Amino acid sequence: MSNTFFEYTSGFTKIDNEVFYLQSTLSASAFSLFIRIYRATQGYGVAVKALSNAYLQKTTNLSKNTVTKAIKE
């Protein structure tokens, strides 16, 4: 296994299987949010990126309250 969680190749983001082990510890909303944030950062090769609550609501199709609760998880 490599030292990184992802590898960007041919328009796809490869995600290490360890990331999916989080799925059992997070709610469906929190995992959906995690994957969106992961894609927006690691998928584009950046470690830090400002993402607004409105952007996360739009891209995950979750309500404002649900996004806020999922972030706190």
Protein backbone atom coordinates (compact mmCIF):
# COMPACT_ATOMS: atom_id res chain seq x y z
CA MET A 1 0.00 0.00 0.00
CA SER A 2 1.26 3.46 -0.80
CA ASN A 3 1.72 6.29 1.67
CA THR A 4 -1.02 8.37 0.06
CA PHE A 5 -4.76 7.87 0.17
CA PHE A 6 -5.30 8.65 -3.48
CA GLU A 7 -3.80 8.50 -6.93
CA TYR A 8 -5.20 10.65 -9.76
CA THR A 9 -5.20 8.80 -13.08
CA SER A 10 -7.17 9.30 -16.30
CA GLY A 11 -9.91 11.46 -14.82
CA PHE A 12 -10.61 9.22 -11.83
CA THR A 13 -9.63 9.48 -8.20
CA LYS A 14 -8.42 6.20 -6.77
CA ILE A 15 -9.34 5.92 -3.12
CA ASP A 16 -7.57 3.63 -0.68
CA ASN A 17 -9.83 0.92 0.76
CA GLU A 18 -9.10 2.20 4.27
CA VAL A 19 -11.25 5.23 3.52
CA PHE A 20 -14.28 2.97 3.10
CA TYR A 21 -13.78 1.46 6.56
CA LEU A 22 -14.97 4.85 7.84
CA GLN A 23 -18.37 4.09 6.35
CA SER A 24 -19.26 1.81 9.25
CA THR A 25 -18.37 4.47 11.83
CA LEU A 26 -20.14 7.46 10.24
CA SER A 27 -23.77 8.17 9.43
CA ALA A 28 -24.75 8.05 5.76
CA SER A 29 -24.89 11.86 5.64
CA ALA A 30 -21.47 12.27 7.27
CA PHE A 31 -19.87 9.71 4.94
CA SER A 32 -21.43 11.38 1.89
CA LEU A 33 -20.04 14.69 3.07
CA PHE A 34 -16.62 13.15 3.75
CA ILE A 35 -16.45 11.72 0.22
CA ARG A 36 -17.44 15.09 -1.29
CA ILE A 37 -14.78 16.91 0.74
CA TYR A 38 -12.21 14.22 -0.07
CA ARG A 39 -12.95 14.56 -3.79
CA ALA A 40 -12.82 18.37 -3.69
CA THR A 41 -9.43 18.33 -1.99
CA GLN A 42 -7.42 15.15 -2.60
CA GLY A 43 -9.09 14.51 -5.96
CA TYR A 44 -7.69 17.80 -7.23
CA GLY A 45 -4.34 17.37 -5.52
CA VAL A 46 -4.78 20.07 -2.88
CA ALA A 47 -4.47 19.53 0.86
CA VAL A 48 -6.59 22.50 1.96
CA LYS A 49 -9.57 24.10 0.27
CA ALA A 50 -12.32 26.38 1.57
CA LEU A 51 -15.72 24.79 0.97
CA SER A 52 -18.86 26.69 1.90
CA ASN A 53 -21.83 25.14 3.63
CA ALA A 54 -23.95 26.12 0.60
CA TYR A 55 -21.58 24.27 -1.77
CA LEU A 56 -21.72 21.15 0.40
CA GLN A 57 -25.53 21.36 0.56
CA LYS A 58 -25.79 21.64 -3.20
CA THR A 59 -23.32 18.88 -4.08
CA THR A 60 -24.58 16.36 -1.49
CA ASN A 61 -28.28 17.27 -1.74
CA LEU A 62 -28.45 17.57 2.05
CA SER A 63 -30.22 20.24 4.10
CA LYS A 64 -28.34 22.98 5.94
CA ASN A 65 -29.03 21.36 9.32
CA THR A 66 -27.94 17.93 8.10
CA VAL A 67 -24.67 19.29 6.68
CA THR A 68 -23.96 21.13 9.95
CA LYS A 69 -24.63 17.99 12.03
CA ALA A 70 -22.55 15.79 9.68
CA ILE A 71 -19.58 18.18 9.91
CA LYS A 72 -19.68 17.92 13.70
CA GLU A 73 -19.64 14.11 13.55
